[in-house]
Amino acid sequence: MILNKKVSIVICCYNEESNIPTVIKSIHESMDTTGYQYEIIAVNDGSSDTSQALLEKMCAGDPQLFYIEFSRNFGHQNALKAGLDNATGDCIISMDADMQHPPRMLPDFIRKWEEGYDIVYTRRMDDPALSKRKRGSSSLFYKFLNMVSDIHLEQGVADFRLMDRRAANILINIKGSDLFIRGIVHWIGFKQYALDYMPDKRLSGQTKYTFKKMRNLAVQGILSFSTKPLHLALYLGFGIALLSLLLVPYAIISLWTGHVMAGWVSLIITVGFLGGLQLFILGIIGLYIGRIFSQTKGFPPYIIRSTNITGK
């Protein structure tokens, strides 16, 4: 029985030539059990391997499979945005192509969607097989982000989720680059439900989410949803200024009693500290100004080099 509703599955691919056939086959197997119409949109985020040639070959024999090829690597968030922009389903499921987001969970997403939830997101359970460094950096990412931003993301929340068309349209209509989609999904509200899952082992290759990328994603989330760093800079400046005023009575008393303030080392340390603090505050302000500058240029978040989606 084929149901009238349509499901779009968006998979983000970056140098995943060895994983793509398996993940697409698994998606087909899971979706064929649901009775829903569906499409699979694979977004090739500027891969340097044979991912694109493989996708074109697979699309030729699979009418439910579509590809979007970027002109270069624009990043995971922009690849996800491109998939959302081009999906035609009544709901959209986003996932990675490394099999760590298990395709077997697709029917679970759909069941919760049919129960009336607009967004069904996942929380990755702590995998003891991961290294302490990887688990520690992931935990630090969420703690730091929640501490200095105005949103609260649960530990282990990623971009493996289902969004109803109404919720997806809100995100699609948000313009600009440097989008932090996890934060936007939390911010837009709607009726949401969390599914806990244990990630499967990566089929092959290495993770593309390095510590540097996680750090950049955290900065992106902070700049997108919070002005707390600017408040921190204000409080630091006020606190240092107040502290410096406490030295005035000490200087007056020393001059009155004939005890000259000595010690060029303490002076150099003070000047160095204040200079470093000023640069730190200017750096925070510069990040926000740089983000404004990027937005005013009006550059698109991604450029499509080729696609087999009709009308693109």
Protein backbone atom coordinates (compact mmCIF):
# COMPACT_ATOMS: atom_id res chain seq x y z
CA MET A 1 0.00 0.00 0.00
CA ILE A 2 1.47 3.37 -1.08
CA LEU A 3 0.45 6.28 1.15
CA ASN A 4 -0.18 9.76 -0.22
CA LYS A 5 2.34 11.47 2.03
CA LYS A 6 5.92 11.83 0.82
CA VAL A 7 9.11 11.64 2.86
CA SER A 8 12.37 13.31 1.81
CA ILE A 9 15.66 11.90 3.13
CA VAL A 10 18.64 14.26 2.88
CA ILE A 11 22.11 12.77 3.28
CA CYS A 12 25.23 14.96 3.46
CA CYS A 13 28.28 13.46 1.77
CA TYR A 14 31.91 14.52 1.94
CA ASN A 15 34.44 11.98 0.65
CA GLU A 16 32.13 9.05 1.45
CA GLU A 17 32.59 6.99 -1.75
CA SER A 18 32.91 3.74 0.19
CA ASN A 19 29.83 4.40 2.34
CA ILE A 20 27.33 5.85 -0.15
CA PRO A 21 26.13 2.56 -1.75
CA THR A 22 25.55 0.94 1.63
CA VAL A 23 23.70 3.87 3.21
CA ILE A 24 21.42 4.34 0.18
CA LYS A 25 20.65 0.61 0.06
CA SER A 26 19.83 0.65 3.78
CA ILE A 27 17.56 3.70 3.36
CA HIS A 28 15.65 1.90 0.60
CA GLU A 29 15.25 -1.22 2.75
CA SER A 30 13.92 0.78 5.70
CA MET A 31 11.61 3.04 3.72
CA ASP A 32 10.15 0.21 1.63
CA THR A 33 8.68 -1.24 4.84
CA THR A 34 6.76 1.97 5.62
CA GLY A 35 4.55 2.23 2.51
CA TYR A 36 5.36 5.92 2.06
CA GLN A 37 6.44 7.62 -1.12
CA TYR A 38 9.96 8.91 -0.66
CA GLU A 39 12.94 10.56 -2.28
CA ILE A 40 16.62 10.49 -1.35
CA ILE A 41 18.67 13.65 -1.90
CA ALA A 42 22.44 13.19 -1.60
CA VAL A 43 24.30 16.49 -1.21
CA ASN A 44 27.93 16.18 -2.33
CA ASP A 45 29.76 18.84 -0.33
CA GLY A 46 32.72 19.26 -2.68
CA SER A 47 34.13 15.76 -2.30
CA SER A 48 37.61 15.16 -3.75
CA ASP A 49 37.10 11.40 -4.21
CA THR A 50 34.82 9.61 -6.69
CA SER A 51 31.62 10.30 -4.73
CA GLN A 52 30.12 12.43 -7.51
CA ALA A 53 30.74 9.92 -10.30
CA LEU A 54 29.30 7.20 -8.09
CA LEU A 55 26.17 9.23 -7.31
CA GLU A 56 25.56 10.01 -10.99
CA LYS A 57 25.87 6.32 -11.87
CA MET A 58 23.51 5.27 -9.07
CA CYS A 59 20.95 7.97 -9.95
CA ALA A 60 20.78 6.68 -13.52
CA GLY A 61 19.27 3.42 -12.25
CA ASP A 62 17.34 4.74 -9.23
CA PRO A 63 14.37 7.06 -9.90
CA GLN A 64 14.06 7.88 -6.16
CA LEU A 65 17.65 9.06 -5.83
CA PHE A 66 18.79 12.62 -6.59
CA TYR A 67 22.08 14.42 -6.15
CA ILE A 68 23.26 17.98 -5.57
CA GLU A 69 26.91 18.72 -6.29
CA PHE A 70 28.53 21.80 -4.76
CA SER A 71 31.15 23.83 -6.62
CA ARG A 72 33.44 23.40 -3.60
CA ASN A 73 33.28 22.40 0.04
CA PHE A 74 30.83 24.74 1.79
CA GLY A 75 30.52 22.82 5.05
CA HIS A 76 28.05 20.42 6.61
CA GLN A 77 25.48 23.01 7.71
CA ASN A 78 25.24 24.52 4.23
CA ALA A 79 24.99 21.06 2.68
CA LEU A 80 22.09 20.32 4.99
CA LYS A 81 20.46 23.64 4.08
CA ALA A 82 20.74 22.80 0.36
CA GLY A 83 19.01 19.49 0.94
CA LEU A 84 16.19 21.17 2.84
CA ASP A 85 15.83 23.84 0.14
CA ASN A 86 15.36 21.23 -2.59
CA ALA A 87 13.31 18.60 -0.75
CA THR A 88 9.68 18.16 -1.82
CA GLY A 89 8.39 15.85 0.91
CA ASP A 90 5.71 16.43 3.54
CA CYS A 91 8.50 15.83 6.04
CA ILE A 92 12.28 15.87 5.72
CA ILE A 93 14.73 13.55 7.46
CA SER A 94 18.39 14.62 7.57
CA MET A 95 21.29 12.26 8.21
CA ASP A 96 24.97 11.68 7.47
CA ALA A 97 26.31 9.20 4.94
CA ASP A 98 28.73 7.34 7.23
CA MET A 99 26.13 4.88 8.64
CA GLN A 100 26.58 6.25 12.17
CA HIS A 101 23.06 7.61 11.77
CA PRO A 102 21.27 4.24 11.47
CA PRO A 103 18.76 4.10 8.57
CA ARG A 104 16.81 1.49 10.53
CA MET A 105 15.48 4.35 12.67
CA LEU A 106 13.60 5.96 9.76
CA PRO A 107 10.30 4.13 10.56
CA ASP A 108 10.62 5.31 14.19
CA PHE A 109 10.86 8.92 13.02
CA ILE A 110 7.79 8.52 10.84
CA ARG A 111 5.72 6.90 13.59
CA LYS A 112 6.36 9.83 15.92
CA TRP A 113 5.60 12.25 13.09
CA GLU A 114 2.26 10.53 12.53
CA GLU A 115 1.55 10.88 16.25
CA GLY A 116 1.58 14.64 15.75
CA TYR A 117 5.16 15.72 16.47
CA ASP A 118 6.52 18.42 14.15
CA ILE A 119 10.18 17.72 14.89
CA VAL A 120 11.63 14.37 15.92
CA TYR A 121 15.28 14.77 16.89
CA THR A 122 17.86 12.36 18.26
CA ARG A 123 20.13 12.28 21.27
CA ARG A 124 23.26 10.23 20.79
CA MET A 125 23.94 7.96 23.75
CA ASP A 126 27.46 7.85 25.15
CA ASP A 127 29.42 5.31 23.16
CA PRO A 128 32.06 3.61 25.37
CA ALA A 129 33.93 2.57 22.21
CA LEU A 130 34.84 6.19 21.49
CA SER A 131 38.12 7.56 22.80
CA LYS A 132 38.10 9.64 25.98
CA ARG A 133 39.33 12.60 23.94
CA LYS A 134 36.41 12.37 21.51
CA ARG A 135 33.83 11.98 24.28
CA GLY A 136 35.44 14.75 26.29
CA SER A 137 35.50 17.21 23.36
CA SER A 138 31.85 16.44 22.59
CA SER A 139 30.81 17.01 26.21
CA LEU A 140 32.86 20.21 26.37
CA PHE A 141 31.20 21.44 23.16
CA TYR A 142 27.68 21.26 24.60
CA LYS A 143 28.63 22.57 28.05
CA PHE A 144 30.48 25.57 26.65
CA LEU A 145 27.76 26.34 24.12
CA ASN A 146 25.00 26.21 26.73
CA MET A 147 27.01 28.33 29.16
CA VAL A 148 27.68 31.28 26.84
CA SER A 149 24.66 31.22 24.51
CA ASP A 150 20.96 31.87 24.93
CA ILE A 151 19.89 28.40 23.81
CA HIS A 152 20.13 25.06 25.59
CA LEU A 153 21.06 22.00 23.56
CA GLU A 154 20.83 18.57 25.15
CA GLN A 155 23.97 16.45 25.28
CA GLY A 156 24.40 14.41 22.12
CA VAL A 157 21.91 16.32 19.92
CA ALA A 158 23.05 16.28 16.29
CA ASP A 159 21.62 16.84 12.80
CA PHE A 160 19.90 13.45 12.61
CA ARG A 161 16.24 14.48 12.74
CA LEU A 162 12.83 14.66 11.08
CA MET A 163 11.13 17.99 10.40
CA ASP A 164 7.55 18.45 9.32
CA ARG A 165 7.08 20.63 6.23
CA ARG A 166 5.71 23.51 8.35
CA ALA A 167 8.79 23.56 10.56
CA ALA A 168 11.17 23.01 7.64
CA ASN A 169 9.72 25.97 5.75
CA ILE A 170 10.62 28.27 8.64
CA LEU A 171 14.23 27.16 8.45
CA ILE A 172 14.27 27.29 4.63
CA ASN A 173 13.11 30.92 4.66
CA ILE A 174 15.93 32.00 6.99
CA LYS A 175 18.52 33.63 4.77
CA GLY A 176 22.23 34.18 5.22
CA SER A 177 25.34 32.08 5.62
CA ASP A 178 26.95 30.58 8.73
CA LEU A 179 23.70 29.00 9.87
CA PHE A 180 23.72 26.97 13.08
CA ILE A 181 20.86 24.64 12.24
CA ARG A 182 20.79 22.76 15.55
CA GLY A 183 20.21 26.03 17.35
CA ILE A 184 17.59 27.20 14.86
CA VAL A 185 15.63 23.95 15.22
CA HIS A 186 15.58 24.45 18.98
CA TRP A 187 14.67 28.12 18.63
CA ILE A 188 11.68 27.74 16.27
CA GLY A 189 9.80 25.64 18.79
CA PHE A 190 6.93 23.47 17.51
CA LYS A 191 6.05 20.12 19.06
CA GLN A 192 9.29 18.18 19.45
CA TYR A 193 10.18 14.65 20.53
CA ALA A 194 13.59 13.14 21.33
CA LEU A 195 14.71 9.66 20.32
CA ASP A 196 17.76 8.20 22.07
CA TYR A 197 20.01 6.06 19.93
CA MET A 198 23.38 4.34 19.96
CA PRO A 199 25.36 5.29 16.84
CA ASP A 200 26.58 2.47 14.64
CA LYS A 201 30.26 2.19 13.89
CA ARG A 202 31.49 4.19 10.94
CA LEU A 203 31.43 1.84 7.96
CA SER A 204 34.77 3.05 6.57
CA GLY A 205 36.95 6.13 6.46
CA GLN A 206 37.50 8.66 9.23
CA THR A 207 35.22 11.17 10.88
CA LYS A 208 35.09 14.58 9.19
CA TYR A 209 34.14 16.31 12.45
CA THR A 210 37.53 17.22 13.88
CA PHE A 211 38.06 19.16 17.10
CA LYS A 212 38.72 22.27 15.00
CA LYS A 213 35.36 21.90 13.22
CA MET A 214 33.55 21.36 16.53
CA ARG A 215 35.22 24.49 17.90
CA ASN A 216 34.19 26.52 14.85
CA LEU A 217 30.66 25.18 15.12
CA ALA A 218 30.52 26.24 18.77
CA VAL A 219 31.69 29.76 17.89
CA GLN A 220 29.11 29.86 15.10
CA GLY A 221 26.37 28.86 17.54
CA ILE A 222 27.43 31.47 20.10
CA LEU A 223 27.57 34.32 17.58
CA SER A 224 24.20 33.27 16.14
CA PHE A 225 22.24 33.08 19.37
CA SER A 226 23.91 35.15 22.05
CA THR A 227 25.41 38.51 22.95
CA LYS A 228 26.73 37.17 26.26
CA PRO A 229 30.39 37.49 25.18
CA LEU A 230 29.82 41.23 24.67
CA HIS A 231 28.32 41.47 28.16
CA LEU A 232 31.33 39.55 29.49
CA ALA A 233 33.66 42.07 27.85
CA LEU A 234 31.69 44.92 29.45
CA TYR A 235 31.84 43.36 32.90
CA LEU A 236 35.56 42.62 32.58
CA GLY A 237 36.30 46.20 31.55
CA PHE A 238 34.22 47.60 34.40
CA GLY A 239 35.79 45.24 36.91
CA ILE A 240 39.36 46.13 35.89
CA ALA A 241 38.55 49.84 35.95
CA LEU A 242 37.08 49.49 39.45
CA LEU A 243 40.12 47.54 40.61
CA SER A 244 42.47 50.21 39.27
CA LEU A 245 40.63 52.86 41.30
CA LEU A 246 41.54 50.98 44.47
CA LEU A 247 45.21 51.71 43.75
CA VAL A 248 44.64 55.50 43.97
CA PRO A 249 44.33 55.61 47.79
CA TYR A 250 47.41 53.38 48.06
CA ALA A 251 49.42 55.74 45.85
CA ILE A 252 48.32 58.81 47.85
CA ILE A 253 49.20 57.19 51.19
CA SER A 254 52.57 56.06 49.85
CA LEU A 255 53.37 59.56 48.62
CA TRP A 256 52.24 61.12 51.94
CA THR A 257 54.34 58.78 54.07
CA GLY A 258 57.38 59.06 51.79
CA HIS A 259 57.30 55.44 50.64
CA VAL A 260 57.68 55.60 46.86
CA MET A 261 55.92 52.90 44.88
CA ALA A 262 58.68 50.73 43.40
CA GLY A 263 58.84 47.79 41.06
CA TRP A 264 58.95 48.05 37.31
CA VAL A 265 58.11 44.31 37.08
CA SER A 266 54.66 44.85 38.62
CA LEU A 267 54.14 47.81 36.29
CA ILE A 268 55.02 45.77 33.19
CA ILE A 269 52.78 42.91 34.33
CA THR A 270 49.87 45.32 34.87
CA VAL A 271 50.36 46.99 31.49
CA GLY A 272 50.69 43.61 29.77
CA PHE A 273 47.56 42.30 31.47
CA LEU A 274 45.50 45.34 30.55
CA GLY A 275 46.81 45.27 26.98
CA GLY A 276 45.95 41.60 26.61
CA LEU A 277 42.50 42.19 28.08
CA GLN A 278 41.86 45.01 25.61
CA LEU A 279 42.87 42.81 22.69
CA PHE A 280 40.62 40.03 24.02
CA ILE A 281 37.64 42.39 24.20
CA LEU A 282 38.41 43.80 20.75
CA GLY A 283 38.60 40.25 19.43
CA ILE A 284 35.10 39.47 20.73
CA ILE A 285 33.73 42.65 19.17
CA GLY A 286 35.61 41.84 15.96
CA LEU A 287 33.92 38.44 15.67
CA TYR A 288 30.49 40.05 15.77
CA ILE A 289 31.52 42.79 13.33
CA GLY A 290 33.00 40.17 11.01
CA ARG A 291 29.74 38.25 11.07
CA ILE A 292 27.82 41.41 10.18
CA PHE A 293 30.30 42.05 7.34
CA SER A 294 29.82 38.53 5.98
CA GLN A 295 26.05 38.89 6.03
CA THR A 296 26.05 42.28 4.28
CA LYS A 297 28.01 40.90 1.32
CA GLY A 298 25.00 38.83 0.40
CA PHE A 299 27.00 35.81 -0.75
CA PRO A 300 24.91 32.62 -1.12
CA PRO A 301 25.48 29.94 1.52
CA TYR A 302 26.32 27.43 -1.22
CA ILE A 303 26.75 27.16 -5.00
CA ILE A 304 25.33 24.20 -6.92
CA ARG A 305 27.63 22.99 -9.68
CA SER A 306 25.29 20.29 -10.96
CA THR A 307 22.13 18.42 -10.00
CA ASN A 308 19.62 16.04 -11.53
CA ILE A 309 16.69 17.65 -9.70
CA THR A 310 14.28 19.00 -12.30
CA GLY A 311 14.30 22.77 -12.63
CA LYS A 312 17.67 23.27 -10.90
